[in-house]
């Protein structure tokens, strides 16, 4: 039953509400996007994002995170990166969950390095899960020919910064 939730959510939002002359809210669309993510329905998630753009409903980091997650579940990491880039073009300020989703979808150290640098420039610190994913890829979970020589140094720097922030929080 859970895998069918995305279907019910889409029918309600895109068919039933318009029939009643109601417009779905960003929150209800976000819930539908989470259902698409849970069901691995990346194409439906993209349709919802397109609907949001056409209806001029503001894209949220949570909605984008769900769409990235749906693409990642299908194994389409390049589409996850594309969605992230599109969100940036729409002036969406990514949060740590969106960065975590897109980094988790990406199997290439070079791309992860760029994302970590972007995250750092945004003033966000990677959480331990992000650092673990990045370290796994840097350690050989991908094609060594595409591994960035800067990735280990960046990871060490980010781990140090995260440790300092953690210690400051305990003082």
Protein backbone atom coordinates (compact mmCIF):
# COMPACT_ATOMS: atom_id res chain seq x y z
CA UNK A 1 0.00 0.00 0.00
CA UNK A 2 2.84 2.41 0.86
CA UNK A 3 4.35 2.16 -2.63
CA UNK A 4 1.06 3.38 -4.10
CA UNK A 5 0.87 6.57 -2.01
CA UNK A 6 2.52 8.64 -4.72
CA UNK A 7 -0.26 7.68 -7.15
CA UNK A 8 -3.00 8.78 -4.76
CA UNK A 9 -1.17 12.00 -3.94
CA UNK A 10 -0.77 12.92 -7.60
CA UNK A 11 -4.40 12.20 -8.45
CA UNK A 12 -5.54 14.33 -5.54
CA UNK A 13 -3.22 17.25 -6.30
CA UNK A 14 -3.24 17.33 -10.06
CA UNK A 15 -6.78 16.16 -10.84
CA UNK A 16 -9.15 16.40 -7.87
CA UNK A 17 -8.08 19.82 -6.57
CA UNK A 18 -8.17 21.58 -9.98
CA UNK A 19 -11.62 20.07 -10.62
CA UNK A 20 -12.75 21.79 -7.44
CA UNK A 21 -10.99 25.00 -8.54
CA UNK A 22 -8.44 24.69 -5.77
CA UNK A 23 -4.69 25.18 -6.11
CA UNK A 24 -2.32 22.83 -4.30
CA UNK A 25 -0.02 24.49 -1.77
CA UNK A 26 3.75 24.21 -1.63
CA UNK A 27 3.29 22.03 1.46
CA UNK A 28 0.89 19.59 -0.21
CA UNK A 29 3.15 19.40 -3.26
CA UNK A 30 6.11 18.76 -0.97
CA UNK A 31 4.24 15.86 0.61
CA UNK A 32 3.48 14.46 -2.84
CA UNK A 33 7.15 14.79 -3.75
CA UNK A 34 8.10 12.83 -0.63
CA UNK A 35 5.64 10.13 -1.67
CA UNK A 36 7.27 10.06 -5.12
CA UNK A 37 10.67 9.74 -3.47
CA UNK A 38 9.46 6.86 -1.29
CA UNK A 39 8.03 5.15 -4.37
CA UNK A 40 11.13 5.83 -6.48
CA UNK A 41 9.03 7.76 -9.00
CA UNK A 42 11.60 10.21 -10.37
CA UNK A 43 9.62 11.05 -13.51
CA UNK A 44 6.51 11.92 -11.49
CA UNK A 45 8.67 13.99 -9.14
CA UNK A 46 9.98 15.97 -12.12
CA UNK A 47 6.39 16.47 -13.31
CA UNK A 48 5.49 17.89 -9.91
CA UNK A 49 8.44 20.28 -10.03
CA UNK A 50 7.34 21.39 -13.49
CA UNK A 51 3.80 21.91 -12.20
CA UNK A 52 5.19 24.02 -9.35
CA UNK A 53 7.14 26.19 -11.80
CA UNK A 54 4.13 26.64 -14.10
CA UNK A 55 1.86 27.48 -11.16
CA UNK A 56 4.53 29.86 -9.82
CA UNK A 57 4.68 27.98 -6.55
CA UNK A 58 7.99 28.63 -4.82
CA UNK A 59 10.42 25.74 -4.91
CA UNK A 60 11.59 24.76 -1.44
CA UNK A 61 14.77 22.98 -0.44
CA UNK A 62 12.64 20.16 0.99
CA UNK A 63 10.77 19.70 -2.31
CA UNK A 64 14.00 19.67 -4.26
CA UNK A 65 15.56 17.23 -1.77
CA UNK A 66 12.68 14.80 -2.35
CA UNK A 67 13.02 15.08 -6.14
CA UNK A 68 16.79 14.54 -5.90
CA UNK A 69 16.14 11.51 -3.69
CA UNK A 70 13.67 10.06 -6.20
CA UNK A 71 16.26 10.44 -8.98
CA UNK A 72 18.98 8.94 -6.79
CA UNK A 73 16.82 5.90 -6.02
CA UNK A 74 16.53 5.24 -9.73
CA UNK A 75 20.32 5.34 -10.00
CA UNK A 76 20.23 8.53 -12.07
CA UNK A 77 22.84 10.58 -10.23
CA UNK A 78 23.41 12.91 -13.20
CA UNK A 79 19.75 13.96 -13.07
CA UNK A 80 20.16 14.61 -9.33
CA UNK A 81 23.04 16.97 -10.12
CA UNK A 82 20.98 18.59 -12.87
CA UNK A 83 18.10 19.18 -10.44
CA UNK A 84 20.49 20.71 -7.94
CA UNK A 85 21.86 23.05 -10.62
CA UNK A 86 18.32 23.99 -11.70
CA UNK A 87 17.39 24.79 -8.11
CA UNK A 88 20.43 27.06 -7.83
CA UNK A 89 19.43 28.82 -11.05
CA UNK A 90 16.00 29.46 -9.52
CA UNK A 91 17.77 31.17 -6.60
CA UNK A 92 16.99 28.38 -4.17
CA UNK A 93 19.35 28.43 -1.21
CA UNK A 94 20.18 24.76 -0.56
CA UNK A 95 20.12 23.48 3.00
CA UNK A 96 22.23 20.71 4.49
CA UNK A 97 19.60 18.06 3.65
CA UNK A 98 19.62 18.99 -0.04
CA UNK A 99 23.42 18.86 -0.10
CA UNK A 100 23.31 15.50 1.69
CA UNK A 101 20.85 14.10 -0.86
CA UNK A 102 22.79 15.25 -3.91
CA UNK A 103 26.17 14.19 -2.49
CA UNK A 104 24.67 10.81 -1.56
CA UNK A 105 23.49 10.38 -5.14
CA UNK A 106 26.85 11.19 -6.69
CA UNK A 107 29.46 8.46 -7.27
CA UNK A 108 32.22 10.77 -8.57
CA UNK A 109 34.81 12.29 -6.26
CA UNK A 110 35.31 15.29 -8.54
CA UNK A 111 31.61 16.23 -8.34
CA UNK A 112 31.49 15.56 -4.60
CA UNK A 113 34.50 17.82 -4.10
CA UNK A 114 32.75 20.63 -5.99
CA UNK A 115 29.57 20.11 -3.95
CA UNK A 116 31.49 20.11 -0.66
CA UNK A 117 33.27 23.32 -1.67
CA UNK A 118 29.93 24.89 -2.62
CA UNK A 119 28.46 23.75 0.69
CA UNK A 120 31.39 25.30 2.53
CA UNK A 121 31.00 28.61 0.63
CA UNK A 122 27.31 28.60 1.61
CA UNK A 123 28.34 28.53 5.26
CA UNK A 124 27.03 25.02 5.86
CA UNK A 125 29.07 22.32 7.54
CA UNK A 126 28.78 18.77 6.23
CA UNK A 127 27.32 16.33 8.70
CA UNK A 128 29.11 13.06 9.54
CA UNK A 129 26.99 11.14 7.00
CA UNK A 130 28.11 13.45 4.18
CA UNK A 131 31.75 13.15 5.23
CA UNK A 132 31.45 9.36 5.39
CA UNK A 133 29.89 9.20 1.90
CA UNK A 134 32.57 11.49 0.48
CA UNK A 135 35.36 9.53 2.18
CA UNK A 136 34.00 6.25 0.79
CA UNK A 137 34.04 7.59 -2.76
CA UNK A 138 37.48 9.16 -2.29
CA UNK A 139 38.81 5.86 -0.92
CA UNK A 140 38.00 4.02 -4.09
CA UNK A 141 34.29 3.53 -4.44
CA UNK A 142 34.53 4.98 -7.96
CA UNK A 143 36.73 5.15 -11.04
CA UNK A 144 40.24 6.20 -9.86
CA UNK A 145 40.81 8.09 -13.11
CA UNK A 146 38.14 10.62 -12.14
CA UNK A 147 39.14 10.99 -8.49
CA UNK A 148 40.17 14.51 -7.59
CA UNK A 149 43.57 14.84 -5.95
CA UNK A 150 42.07 17.58 -3.77
CA UNK A 151 39.32 15.42 -2.30
CA UNK A 152 41.35 13.95 0.63
CA UNK A 153 42.64 17.40 1.64
CA UNK A 154 39.16 18.91 1.43
CA UNK A 155 37.72 16.09 3.52
CA UNK A 156 40.42 16.54 6.17
CA UNK A 157 39.76 20.28 6.28
CA UNK A 158 36.00 19.80 6.53
CA UNK A 159 36.38 17.17 9.26
CA UNK A 160 38.58 19.54 11.24
CA UNK A 161 36.08 22.38 10.83
CA UNK A 162 33.19 20.12 11.85
CA UNK A 163 35.16 18.99 14.92
CA UNK A 164 35.91 22.57 15.94
CA UNK A 165 32.22 23.53 15.57
CA UNK A 166 31.21 20.52 17.64
CA UNK A 167 33.67 21.42 20.39
CA UNK A 168 32.58 25.07 20.40
CA UNK A 169 29.01 23.91 20.83
CA UNK A 170 29.99 21.96 23.95
CA UNK A 171 31.88 24.83 25.60
